[in-house]
């Protein structure tokens, strides 16, 4: 949206729709759903890598929103609050399924401590603009679940490591280590994708 105030499909400013939805206005809640469903679905899809699961989780996220919208205090942007709610829905789903969302054992692998130190939680410029969006999306979906979730939360959604650590129930060091490994794996997947495309030419 280019304007400072988001105007929903029913002509009501977003903040007013939020206030009305808190009072139980179904039309305003539906308008909020229409405005945010694509971003929430995209977030769920990136985290689970499965369209059917992502659709179910999107519905569950909006069910949670319906139950909890009255608790929204406006301390952050509504979209930020909603995305955090959606992330929690996905993480709860993964815990129930028993998927290895983060393998903390992998962070104990011996690493070359004598080599040059690298801030493994910093922005990786080698990935920025490395390849077209479609291949990047496919490669993200190919990441193992634990790596994919950390990568999506940090590099796509913009969460800080302390926030990720709190959500995932791990240490900040583990979050940084998982992100570093996710980026290394993603770089390998992108190189493989480029090589495959080159071979077809």
N, C-alpha and C. Protein backbone atom coordinates (compact mmCIF):
# COMPACT_ATOMS: atom_id res chain seq x y z
N UNK A 1 0.84 -1.19 0.00
CA UNK A 1 0.00 0.00 0.00
C UNK A 1 0.88 1.24 0.00
N UNK A 2 0.48 2.22 -0.80
CA UNK A 2 1.30 3.43 -0.88
C UNK A 2 0.89 4.45 0.17
N UNK A 3 -0.39 4.45 0.55
CA UNK A 3 -0.83 5.42 1.55
C UNK A 3 -0.46 4.95 2.94
N UNK A 4 -0.35 5.91 3.87
CA UNK A 4 0.03 5.58 5.23
C UNK A 4 -1.06 4.74 5.89
N UNK A 5 -2.32 5.07 5.59
CA UNK A 5 -3.44 4.31 6.14
C UNK A 5 -3.88 3.26 5.14
N UNK A 6 -3.99 2.03 5.59
CA UNK A 6 -4.48 0.98 4.70
C UNK A 6 -6.01 1.03 4.69
N UNK A 7 -6.56 1.15 3.49
CA UNK A 7 -8.02 1.13 3.34
C UNK A 7 -8.41 -0.25 2.85
N UNK A 8 -9.28 -0.91 3.58
CA UNK A 8 -9.68 -2.27 3.25
C UNK A 8 -10.71 -2.26 2.11
N UNK A 9 -11.00 -3.47 1.63
CA UNK A 9 -11.92 -3.63 0.48
C UNK A 9 -13.29 -3.03 0.77
N UNK A 10 -13.68 -3.03 2.04
CA UNK A 10 -15.00 -2.47 2.37
C UNK A 10 -14.94 -0.97 2.64
N UNK A 11 -13.80 -0.35 2.31
CA UNK A 11 -13.67 1.11 2.43
C UNK A 11 -13.33 1.62 3.81
N UNK A 12 -13.09 0.73 4.75
CA UNK A 12 -12.80 1.12 6.14
C UNK A 12 -11.28 1.09 6.36
N UNK A 13 -10.73 2.11 7.04
CA UNK A 13 -9.29 2.06 7.36
C UNK A 13 -8.98 0.83 8.23
N UNK A 14 -7.76 0.28 8.04
CA UNK A 14 -7.41 -0.95 8.76
C UNK A 14 -7.57 -0.82 10.26
N UNK A 15 -7.11 0.29 10.84
CA UNK A 15 -7.18 0.43 12.29
C UNK A 15 -8.63 0.40 12.78
N UNK A 16 -9.51 1.03 12.02
CA UNK A 16 -10.93 1.02 12.39
C UNK A 16 -11.50 -0.40 12.28
N UNK A 17 -11.08 -1.12 11.23
CA UNK A 17 -11.53 -2.50 11.05
C UNK A 17 -11.06 -3.38 12.20
N UNK A 18 -9.82 -3.15 12.67
CA UNK A 18 -9.29 -3.90 13.81
C UNK A 18 -10.13 -3.62 15.04
N UNK A 19 -10.41 -2.34 15.29
CA UNK A 19 -11.22 -1.96 16.46
C UNK A 19 -12.61 -2.59 16.40
N UNK A 20 -13.21 -2.57 15.21
CA UNK A 20 -14.55 -3.15 15.06
C UNK A 20 -14.52 -4.66 15.18
N UNK A 21 -13.47 -5.29 14.63
CA UNK A 21 -13.35 -6.75 14.72
C UNK A 21 -13.21 -7.18 16.18
N UNK A 22 -12.54 -6.36 16.98
CA UNK A 22 -12.41 -6.65 18.41
C UNK A 22 -13.79 -6.69 19.08
N UNK A 23 -14.72 -5.88 18.54
CA UNK A 23 -16.08 -5.83 19.09
C UNK A 23 -16.97 -6.93 18.51
N UNK A 24 -16.40 -7.76 17.62
CA UNK A 24 -17.15 -8.87 17.06
C UNK A 24 -17.77 -8.61 15.70
N UNK A 25 -17.32 -7.54 15.01
CA UNK A 25 -17.85 -7.23 13.68
C UNK A 25 -17.27 -8.23 12.66
N UNK A 26 -18.12 -9.15 12.19
CA UNK A 26 -17.68 -10.21 11.29
C UNK A 26 -17.21 -9.67 9.94
N UNK A 27 -17.88 -8.63 9.45
CA UNK A 27 -17.51 -8.06 8.14
C UNK A 27 -16.09 -7.47 8.19
N UNK A 28 -15.78 -6.80 9.28
CA UNK A 28 -14.44 -6.22 9.42
C UNK A 28 -13.38 -7.31 9.59
N UNK A 29 -13.73 -8.37 10.30
CA UNK A 29 -12.78 -9.47 10.44
C UNK A 29 -12.52 -10.10 9.08
N UNK A 30 -13.57 -10.25 8.30
CA UNK A 30 -13.44 -10.83 6.95
C UNK A 30 -12.56 -9.94 6.07
N UNK A 31 -12.73 -8.62 6.24
CA UNK A 31 -11.91 -7.68 5.46
C UNK A 31 -10.43 -7.80 5.85
N UNK A 32 -10.15 -7.98 7.14
CA UNK A 32 -8.78 -8.16 7.61
C UNK A 32 -8.20 -9.47 7.06
N UNK A 33 -9.03 -10.49 7.02
CA UNK A 33 -8.63 -11.77 6.45
C UNK A 33 -8.23 -11.58 4.98
N UNK A 34 -9.08 -10.86 4.24
CA UNK A 34 -8.81 -10.61 2.82
C UNK A 34 -7.51 -9.86 2.60
N UNK A 35 -7.19 -8.95 3.51
CA UNK A 35 -5.98 -8.13 3.37
C UNK A 35 -4.71 -8.93 3.68
N UNK A 36 -4.78 -9.84 4.65
CA UNK A 36 -3.56 -10.48 5.15
C UNK A 36 -3.40 -11.95 4.78
N UNK A 37 -4.42 -12.58 4.20
CA UNK A 37 -4.36 -14.04 4.00
C UNK A 37 -3.20 -14.48 3.11
N UNK A 38 -2.89 -13.72 2.06
CA UNK A 38 -1.82 -14.14 1.14
C UNK A 38 -0.46 -14.14 1.82
N UNK A 39 -0.18 -13.11 2.61
CA UNK A 39 1.12 -13.05 3.31
C UNK A 39 1.23 -14.16 4.35
N UNK A 40 0.12 -14.41 5.06
CA UNK A 40 0.14 -15.46 6.08
C UNK A 40 0.32 -16.83 5.42
N UNK A 41 -0.39 -17.05 4.31
CA UNK A 41 -0.26 -18.32 3.58
C UNK A 41 1.18 -18.49 3.08
N UNK A 42 1.74 -17.43 2.53
CA UNK A 42 3.11 -17.46 2.01
C UNK A 42 4.10 -17.81 3.12
N UNK A 43 3.90 -17.22 4.30
CA UNK A 43 4.76 -17.50 5.45
C UNK A 43 4.64 -18.97 5.86
N UNK A 44 3.40 -19.47 5.96
CA UNK A 44 3.18 -20.87 6.34
C UNK A 44 3.80 -21.82 5.32
N UNK A 45 3.61 -21.50 4.04
CA UNK A 45 4.15 -22.36 2.97
C UNK A 45 5.67 -22.40 3.03
N UNK A 46 6.30 -21.27 3.25
CA UNK A 46 7.76 -21.23 3.34
C UNK A 46 8.26 -22.07 4.51
N UNK A 47 7.50 -22.05 5.60
CA UNK A 47 7.96 -22.76 6.81
C UNK A 47 7.74 -24.27 6.71
N UNK A 48 6.62 -24.71 6.11
CA UNK A 48 6.35 -26.15 6.08
C UNK A 48 6.64 -26.79 4.73
N UNK A 49 6.68 -25.99 3.65
CA UNK A 49 7.02 -26.52 2.33
C UNK A 49 5.98 -27.46 1.75
N UNK A 50 4.72 -27.33 2.19
CA UNK A 50 3.65 -28.21 1.72
C UNK A 50 2.38 -27.38 1.58
N UNK A 51 1.80 -27.35 0.36
CA UNK A 51 0.66 -26.46 0.11
C UNK A 51 -0.57 -26.81 0.94
N UNK A 52 -0.89 -28.10 1.05
CA UNK A 52 -2.08 -28.50 1.82
C UNK A 52 -1.92 -28.13 3.30
N UNK A 53 -0.73 -28.40 3.85
CA UNK A 53 -0.46 -28.04 5.25
C UNK A 53 -0.51 -26.53 5.43
N UNK A 54 0.05 -25.81 4.47
CA UNK A 54 0.07 -24.35 4.55
C UNK A 54 -1.34 -23.78 4.55
N UNK A 55 -2.23 -24.36 3.73
CA UNK A 55 -3.62 -23.90 3.70
C UNK A 55 -4.30 -24.14 5.05
N UNK A 56 -4.09 -25.35 5.61
CA UNK A 56 -4.68 -25.67 6.92
C UNK A 56 -4.15 -24.73 8.01
N UNK A 57 -2.84 -24.49 7.97
CA UNK A 57 -2.22 -23.64 8.99
C UNK A 57 -2.65 -22.19 8.86
N UNK A 58 -2.89 -21.74 7.63
CA UNK A 58 -3.40 -20.38 7.41
C UNK A 58 -4.78 -20.26 8.05
N UNK A 59 -5.64 -21.25 7.83
CA UNK A 59 -6.97 -21.23 8.45
C UNK A 59 -6.86 -21.24 9.97
N UNK A 60 -5.95 -22.07 10.48
CA UNK A 60 -5.76 -22.15 11.94
C UNK A 60 -5.25 -20.82 12.49
N UNK A 61 -4.35 -20.17 11.75
CA UNK A 61 -3.83 -18.87 12.20
C UNK A 61 -4.95 -17.84 12.30
N UNK A 62 -5.87 -17.85 11.32
CA UNK A 62 -6.97 -16.88 11.38
C UNK A 62 -8.03 -17.26 12.41
N UNK A 63 -8.15 -18.56 12.71
CA UNK A 63 -9.01 -18.97 13.83
C UNK A 63 -8.44 -18.43 15.14
N UNK A 64 -7.11 -18.56 15.28
CA UNK A 64 -6.44 -18.01 16.47
C UNK A 64 -6.62 -16.49 16.53
N UNK A 65 -6.50 -15.86 15.38
CA UNK A 65 -6.68 -14.41 15.33
C UNK A 65 -8.09 -14.03 15.80
N UNK A 66 -9.09 -14.79 15.33
CA UNK A 66 -10.48 -14.52 15.71
C UNK A 66 -10.63 -14.60 17.24
N UNK A 67 -9.95 -15.60 17.82
CA UNK A 67 -10.05 -15.79 19.28
C UNK A 67 -9.25 -14.72 20.05
N UNK A 68 -8.14 -14.27 19.45
CA UNK A 68 -7.19 -13.44 20.22
C UNK A 68 -7.13 -11.97 19.80
N UNK A 69 -7.91 -11.57 18.80
CA UNK A 69 -7.77 -10.19 18.30
C UNK A 69 -8.01 -9.15 19.39
N UNK A 70 -8.83 -9.49 20.36
CA UNK A 70 -9.10 -8.55 21.46
C UNK A 70 -7.86 -8.26 22.29
N UNK A 71 -6.84 -9.15 22.20
CA UNK A 71 -5.62 -8.95 22.99
C UNK A 71 -4.60 -8.07 22.24
N UNK A 72 -4.90 -7.72 20.98
CA UNK A 72 -3.97 -6.87 20.22
C UNK A 72 -3.99 -5.46 20.81
N UNK A 73 -2.82 -5.00 21.26
CA UNK A 73 -2.71 -3.70 21.95
C UNK A 73 -2.16 -2.59 21.06
N UNK A 74 -1.72 -2.94 19.87
CA UNK A 74 -1.19 -1.91 18.97
C UNK A 74 0.24 -1.49 19.29
N UNK A 75 0.96 -2.30 20.09
CA UNK A 75 2.35 -1.96 20.43
C UNK A 75 3.29 -2.20 19.25
N UNK A 76 2.85 -3.05 18.32
CA UNK A 76 3.59 -3.26 17.07
C UNK A 76 2.58 -3.16 15.93
N UNK A 77 3.05 -3.20 14.69
CA UNK A 77 2.12 -3.18 13.56
C UNK A 77 1.25 -4.43 13.63
N UNK A 78 0.01 -4.31 13.20
CA UNK A 78 -0.92 -5.44 13.23
C UNK A 78 -0.37 -6.61 12.43
N UNK A 79 0.23 -6.32 11.26
CA UNK A 79 0.77 -7.39 10.41
C UNK A 79 1.89 -8.14 11.13
N UNK A 80 2.73 -7.41 11.87
CA UNK A 80 3.82 -8.04 12.63
C UNK A 80 3.26 -8.96 13.70
N UNK A 81 2.25 -8.47 14.41
CA UNK A 81 1.61 -9.24 15.47
C UNK A 81 0.96 -10.50 14.90
N UNK A 82 0.29 -10.35 13.77
CA UNK A 82 -0.39 -11.47 13.11
C UNK A 82 0.64 -12.50 12.62
N UNK A 83 1.75 -12.04 12.07
CA UNK A 83 2.77 -12.97 11.57
C UNK A 83 3.39 -13.76 12.72
N UNK A 84 3.59 -13.10 13.85
CA UNK A 84 4.14 -13.80 15.02
C UNK A 84 3.14 -14.87 15.48
N UNK A 85 1.87 -14.53 15.46
CA UNK A 85 0.82 -15.49 15.81
C UNK A 85 0.86 -16.69 14.86
N UNK A 86 1.01 -16.40 13.55
CA UNK A 86 1.06 -17.47 12.53
C UNK A 86 2.29 -18.35 12.72
N UNK A 87 3.43 -17.73 13.02
CA UNK A 87 4.67 -18.49 13.27
C UNK A 87 4.45 -19.45 14.44
N UNK A 88 3.81 -18.95 15.50
CA UNK A 88 3.57 -19.81 16.67
C UNK A 88 2.64 -20.97 16.33
N UNK A 89 1.64 -20.72 15.48
CA UNK A 89 0.73 -21.78 15.04
C UNK A 89 1.53 -22.86 14.29
N UNK A 90 2.42 -22.43 13.39
CA UNK A 90 3.23 -23.38 12.61
C UNK A 90 4.16 -24.18 13.54
N UNK A 91 4.81 -23.49 14.47
CA UNK A 91 5.74 -24.17 15.37
C UNK A 91 5.01 -25.18 16.25
N UNK A 92 3.82 -24.82 16.73
CA UNK A 92 3.02 -25.77 17.53
C UNK A 92 2.66 -26.99 16.70
N UNK A 93 2.29 -26.76 15.45
CA UNK A 93 1.94 -27.85 14.53
C UNK A 93 3.13 -28.79 14.34
N UNK A 94 4.32 -28.21 14.13
CA UNK A 94 5.52 -29.03 13.91
C UNK A 94 5.89 -29.82 15.16
N UNK A 95 5.69 -29.22 16.32
CA UNK A 95 5.98 -29.93 17.57
C UNK A 95 5.04 -31.13 17.74
N UNK A 96 3.77 -30.92 17.42
CA UNK A 96 2.79 -32.01 17.53
C UNK A 96 3.12 -33.15 16.56
N UNK A 97 3.60 -32.78 15.36
CA UNK A 97 3.97 -33.79 14.37
C UNK A 97 5.27 -34.49 14.74
N UNK A 98 6.02 -33.87 15.64
CA UNK A 98 7.29 -34.46 16.05
C UNK A 98 8.39 -34.30 15.03
N UNK A 99 8.25 -33.29 14.15
CA UNK A 99 9.30 -33.05 13.15
C UNK A 99 10.53 -32.47 13.83
N UNK A 100 11.71 -32.80 13.33
CA UNK A 100 12.92 -32.21 13.91
C UNK A 100 13.07 -30.77 13.44
N UNK A 101 12.36 -29.85 14.13
CA UNK A 101 12.39 -28.47 13.65
C UNK A 101 13.79 -27.87 13.76
N UNK A 102 14.49 -28.17 14.87
CA UNK A 102 15.88 -27.72 14.99
C UNK A 102 16.66 -28.84 15.64
N UNK A 103 17.65 -29.35 14.94
CA UNK A 103 18.50 -30.38 15.51
C UNK A 103 19.65 -29.70 16.25
N UNK A 104 19.53 -29.63 17.56
CA UNK A 104 20.55 -28.93 18.34
C UNK A 104 21.85 -29.71 18.37
N UNK A 105 21.77 -31.04 18.16
CA UNK A 105 22.99 -31.85 18.15
C UNK A 105 23.92 -31.43 17.01
N UNK A 106 23.30 -31.03 15.88
CA UNK A 106 24.12 -30.67 14.72
C UNK A 106 25.01 -29.47 15.00
N UNK A 107 24.63 -28.65 15.97
CA UNK A 107 25.44 -27.46 16.26
C UNK A 107 26.71 -27.84 17.01
N UNK A 108 26.80 -29.11 17.44
CA UNK A 108 27.98 -29.53 18.18
C UNK A 108 29.05 -30.14 17.29
N UNK A 109 28.79 -30.15 15.97
CA UNK A 109 29.78 -30.69 15.04
C UNK A 109 31.09 -29.94 15.17
N UNK A 110 32.23 -30.66 15.12
CA UNK A 110 33.52 -29.95 15.23
C UNK A 110 33.71 -29.00 14.05
N UNK A 111 34.15 -27.81 14.37
CA UNK A 111 34.39 -26.82 13.31
C UNK A 111 35.80 -26.28 13.46
N UNK A 112 36.33 -25.78 12.37
CA UNK A 112 37.69 -25.27 12.37
C UNK A 112 37.75 -23.94 13.11
N UNK A 113 38.15 -24.00 14.37
CA UNK A 113 38.19 -22.78 15.20
C UNK A 113 39.41 -21.91 14.87
N UNK A 114 40.42 -22.51 14.18
CA UNK A 114 41.63 -21.75 13.88
C UNK A 114 41.47 -20.86 12.66
N UNK A 115 40.47 -21.12 11.84
CA UNK A 115 40.27 -20.34 10.62
C UNK A 115 39.75 -18.96 10.94
N UNK A 116 39.57 -18.15 9.90
CA UNK A 116 39.06 -16.79 10.15
C UNK A 116 37.67 -16.84 10.74
N UNK A 117 37.44 -16.04 11.76
CA UNK A 117 36.14 -16.02 12.43
C UNK A 117 35.14 -15.32 11.52
N UNK A 118 33.91 -15.83 11.54
CA UNK A 118 32.87 -15.26 10.69
C UNK A 118 31.64 -15.02 11.54
N UNK A 119 31.02 -13.88 11.40
CA UNK A 119 29.78 -13.61 12.13
C UNK A 119 28.67 -14.37 11.42
N UNK A 120 28.33 -15.54 11.96
CA UNK A 120 27.40 -16.41 11.26
C UNK A 120 25.95 -15.94 11.37
N UNK A 121 25.72 -14.86 12.10
CA UNK A 121 24.36 -14.33 12.16
C UNK A 121 24.18 -13.10 11.29
N UNK A 122 25.24 -12.70 10.59
CA UNK A 122 25.18 -11.47 9.79
C UNK A 122 24.58 -11.72 8.41
N UNK A 123 24.24 -10.64 7.73
CA UNK A 123 23.68 -10.72 6.38
C UNK A 123 24.71 -11.34 5.43
N UNK A 124 24.26 -12.23 4.58
CA UNK A 124 25.15 -12.93 3.64
C UNK A 124 24.95 -12.33 2.25
N UNK A 125 25.86 -11.44 1.87
CA UNK A 125 25.71 -10.75 0.58
C UNK A 125 25.88 -11.66 -0.62
N UNK A 126 26.52 -12.82 -0.42
CA UNK A 126 26.71 -13.75 -1.54
C UNK A 126 25.38 -14.33 -2.01
N UNK A 127 24.37 -14.32 -1.12
CA UNK A 127 23.06 -14.86 -1.51
C UNK A 127 22.17 -13.80 -2.14
N UNK A 128 22.46 -12.52 -1.81
CA UNK A 128 21.58 -11.45 -2.27
C UNK A 128 21.67 -11.31 -3.79
N UNK A 129 20.56 -11.45 -4.44
CA UNK A 129 20.50 -11.33 -5.90
C UNK A 129 21.27 -12.40 -6.63
N UNK A 130 21.53 -13.53 -5.97
CA UNK A 130 22.35 -14.57 -6.59
C UNK A 130 21.63 -15.26 -7.74
N UNK A 131 20.35 -15.34 -7.67
CA UNK A 131 19.62 -16.12 -8.69
C UNK A 131 18.17 -15.65 -8.70
N UNK A 132 17.45 -16.03 -9.71
CA UNK A 132 16.07 -15.54 -9.80
C UNK A 132 15.19 -16.08 -8.68
N UNK A 133 14.10 -15.37 -8.44
CA UNK A 133 13.21 -15.63 -7.30
C UNK A 133 12.64 -17.05 -7.29
N UNK A 134 12.26 -17.56 -8.45
CA UNK A 134 11.63 -18.89 -8.51
C UNK A 134 12.60 -19.95 -8.01
N UNK A 135 13.83 -19.92 -8.50
CA UNK A 135 14.81 -20.92 -8.06
C UNK A 135 15.13 -20.76 -6.57
N UNK A 136 15.15 -19.52 -6.11
CA UNK A 136 15.41 -19.28 -4.69
C UNK A 136 14.29 -19.88 -3.85
N UNK A 137 13.03 -19.64 -4.25
CA UNK A 137 11.88 -20.19 -3.51
C UNK A 137 11.94 -21.71 -3.49
N UNK A 138 12.24 -22.31 -4.64
CA UNK A 138 12.33 -23.79 -4.71
C UNK A 138 13.44 -24.31 -3.81
N UNK A 139 14.55 -23.61 -3.81
CA UNK A 139 15.68 -24.05 -3.00
C UNK A 139 15.36 -23.93 -1.51
N UNK A 140 14.65 -22.86 -1.13
CA UNK A 140 14.25 -22.70 0.28
C UNK A 140 13.35 -23.86 0.69
N UNK A 141 12.41 -24.21 -0.20
CA UNK A 141 11.50 -25.34 0.09
C UNK A 141 12.25 -26.66 0.23
N UNK A 142 13.41 -26.76 -0.43
CA UNK A 142 14.20 -28.01 -0.38
C UNK A 142 15.04 -28.13 0.88
N UNK A 143 15.18 -27.05 1.63
CA UNK A 143 15.98 -27.10 2.86
C UNK A 143 15.33 -28.06 3.87
N UNK A 144 16.14 -28.74 4.69
CA UNK A 144 15.57 -29.54 5.78
C UNK A 144 14.72 -28.62 6.69
N UNK A 145 13.67 -29.17 7.32
CA UNK A 145 12.74 -28.34 8.09
C UNK A 145 13.39 -27.38 9.09
N UNK A 146 14.36 -27.89 9.87
CA UNK A 146 15.00 -27.04 10.89
C UNK A 146 15.71 -25.84 10.27
N UNK A 147 16.47 -26.09 9.21
CA UNK A 147 17.18 -25.02 8.53
C UNK A 147 16.19 -24.03 7.90
N UNK A 148 15.16 -24.59 7.24
CA UNK A 148 14.21 -23.75 6.51
C UNK A 148 13.52 -22.77 7.46
N UNK A 149 13.10 -23.26 8.61
CA UNK A 149 12.36 -22.41 9.55
C UNK A 149 13.23 -21.25 10.02
N UNK A 150 14.45 -21.54 10.43
CA UNK A 150 15.35 -20.48 10.90
C UNK A 150 15.64 -19.49 9.78
N UNK A 151 15.89 -19.99 8.58
CA UNK A 151 16.19 -19.11 7.44
C UNK A 151 15.00 -18.19 7.15
N UNK A 152 13.80 -18.76 7.12
CA UNK A 152 12.60 -17.97 6.83
C UNK A 152 12.38 -16.92 7.92
N UNK A 153 12.50 -17.32 9.17
CA UNK A 153 12.26 -16.38 10.27
C UNK A 153 13.26 -15.22 10.24
N UNK A 154 14.55 -15.54 10.00
CA UNK A 154 15.57 -14.49 10.05
C UNK A 154 15.70 -13.70 8.75
N UNK A 155 15.93 -14.41 7.64
CA UNK A 155 16.27 -13.73 6.39
C UNK A 155 15.05 -13.29 5.58
N UNK A 156 13.91 -13.94 5.80
CA UNK A 156 12.71 -13.56 5.04
C UNK A 156 11.80 -12.66 5.88
N UNK A 157 11.51 -13.10 7.11
CA UNK A 157 10.58 -12.35 7.96
C UNK A 157 11.25 -11.27 8.80
N UNK A 158 12.57 -11.36 8.95
CA UNK A 158 13.31 -10.29 9.64
C UNK A 158 13.35 -10.37 11.15
N UNK A 159 13.08 -11.54 11.73
CA UNK A 159 13.17 -11.68 13.18
C UNK A 159 14.63 -11.67 13.61
N UNK A 160 14.90 -11.12 14.81
CA UNK A 160 16.25 -11.12 15.37
C UNK A 160 16.52 -12.49 16.00
N UNK A 161 17.81 -12.79 16.20
CA UNK A 161 18.16 -14.10 16.75
C UNK A 161 17.58 -14.32 18.16
N UNK A 162 17.54 -13.25 18.97
CA UNK A 162 16.98 -13.42 20.32
C UNK A 162 15.50 -13.76 20.26
N UNK A 163 14.78 -13.18 19.28
CA UNK A 163 13.35 -13.49 19.11
C UNK A 163 13.17 -14.93 18.63
N UNK A 164 14.01 -15.34 17.68
CA UNK A 164 13.93 -16.71 17.15
C UNK A 164 14.23 -17.72 18.25
N UNK A 165 15.26 -17.42 19.03
CA UNK A 165 15.64 -18.32 20.13
C UNK A 165 14.49 -18.51 21.10
N UNK A 166 13.79 -17.41 21.39
CA UNK A 166 12.64 -17.47 22.31
C UNK A 166 11.51 -18.31 21.70
N UNK A 167 11.22 -18.09 20.42
CA UNK A 167 10.14 -18.82 19.76
C UNK A 167 10.45 -20.30 19.63
N UNK A 168 11.72 -20.61 19.31
CA UNK A 168 12.12 -21.99 19.03
C UNK A 168 12.55 -22.75 20.28
N UNK A 169 12.74 -22.04 21.37
CA UNK A 169 13.19 -22.70 22.59
C UNK A 169 14.63 -23.17 22.50
N UNK A 170 15.48 -22.38 21.86
CA UNK A 170 16.90 -22.72 21.76
C UNK A 170 17.72 -21.49 22.14
N UNK A 171 19.05 -21.64 22.13
CA UNK A 171 19.90 -20.50 22.47
C UNK A 171 20.12 -19.61 21.24
N UNK A 172 20.56 -18.39 21.47
CA UNK A 172 20.87 -17.47 20.37
C UNK A 172 22.00 -18.06 19.52
N UNK A 173 22.98 -18.68 20.17
CA UNK A 173 24.09 -19.32 19.45
C UNK A 173 23.60 -20.42 18.52
N UNK A 174 22.63 -21.19 18.98
CA UNK A 174 22.07 -22.25 18.14
C UNK A 174 21.32 -21.68 16.95
N UNK A 175 20.60 -20.59 17.19
CA UNK A 175 19.87 -19.93 16.10
C UNK A 175 20.86 -19.45 15.03
N UNK A 176 21.95 -18.84 15.47
CA UNK A 176 22.96 -18.34 14.52
C UNK A 176 23.62 -19.49 13.77
N UNK A 177 23.92 -20.56 14.50
CA UNK A 177 24.57 -21.71 13.87
C UNK A 177 23.66 -22.36 12.82
N UNK A 178 22.37 -22.51 13.18
CA UNK A 178 21.41 -23.10 12.24
C UNK A 178 21.27 -22.23 10.99
N UNK A 179 21.24 -20.90 11.19
CA UNK A 179 21.12 -19.98 10.06
C UNK A 179 22.34 -20.11 9.15
N UNK A 180 23.52 -20.17 9.75
CA UNK A 180 24.76 -20.30 8.97
C UNK A 180 24.71 -21.57 8.12
N UNK A 181 24.30 -22.68 8.73
CA UNK A 181 24.23 -23.95 8.00
C UNK A 181 23.15 -23.92 6.93
N UNK A 182 22.03 -23.25 7.25
CA UNK A 182 20.96 -23.12 6.26
C UNK A 182 21.46 -22.36 5.03
N UNK A 183 22.23 -21.29 5.27
CA UNK A 183 22.75 -20.49 4.15
C UNK A 183 23.75 -21.29 3.33
N UNK A 184 24.59 -22.07 4.01
CA UNK A 184 25.56 -22.91 3.29
C UNK A 184 24.83 -23.94 2.41
N UNK A 185 23.81 -24.57 3.00
CA UNK A 185 23.03 -25.57 2.27
C UNK A 185 22.29 -24.91 1.10
N UNK A 186 21.73 -23.73 1.35
CA UNK A 186 21.00 -23.01 0.32
C UNK A 186 21.93 -22.63 -0.83
N UNK A 187 23.14 -22.20 -0.50
CA UNK A 187 24.12 -21.84 -1.53
C UNK A 187 24.44 -23.05 -2.40
N UNK A 188 24.59 -24.22 -1.76
CA UNK A 188 24.85 -25.46 -2.52
C UNK A 188 23.68 -25.78 -3.44
N UNK A 189 22.45 -25.64 -2.92
CA UNK A 189 21.25 -25.92 -3.73
C UNK A 189 21.15 -24.97 -4.91
N UNK A 190 21.50 -23.70 -4.69
CA UNK A 190 21.44 -22.70 -5.76
C UNK A 190 22.50 -23.00 -6.83
N UNK A 191 23.69 -23.40 -6.39
CA UNK A 191 24.75 -23.75 -7.35
C UNK A 191 24.33 -24.95 -8.19
N UNK A 192 23.73 -25.94 -7.54
CA UNK A 192 23.25 -27.13 -8.23
C UNK A 192 22.18 -26.75 -9.25
N UNK A 193 21.28 -25.88 -8.85
CA UNK A 193 20.21 -25.41 -9.74
C UNK A 193 20.79 -24.68 -10.95
N UNK A 194 21.79 -23.83 -10.71
CA UNK A 194 22.44 -23.10 -11.81
C UNK A 194 23.13 -24.06 -12.76
N UNK A 195 23.81 -25.07 -12.20
CA UNK A 195 24.52 -26.05 -13.01
C UNK A 195 23.54 -26.84 -13.89
N UNK A 196 22.39 -27.20 -13.30
CA UNK A 196 21.36 -27.93 -14.05
C UNK A 196 20.81 -27.09 -15.19
N UNK A 197 20.59 -25.82 -14.92
CA UNK A 197 20.08 -24.92 -15.97
C UNK A 197 21.10 -24.74 -17.07
N UNK A 198 22.38 -24.63 -16.69
CA UNK A 198 23.44 -24.44 -17.67
C UNK A 198 23.56 -25.68 -18.57
N UNK A 199 23.38 -26.87 -17.95
CA UNK A 199 23.50 -28.12 -18.71
C UNK A 199 22.38 -28.28 -19.73
N UNK A 200 21.22 -27.66 -19.46
CA UNK A 200 20.07 -27.76 -20.39
C UNK A 200 20.22 -26.82 -21.58
N UNK A 201 21.09 -25.83 -21.47
CA UNK A 201 21.23 -24.84 -22.55
C UNK A 201 21.97 -25.43 -23.74
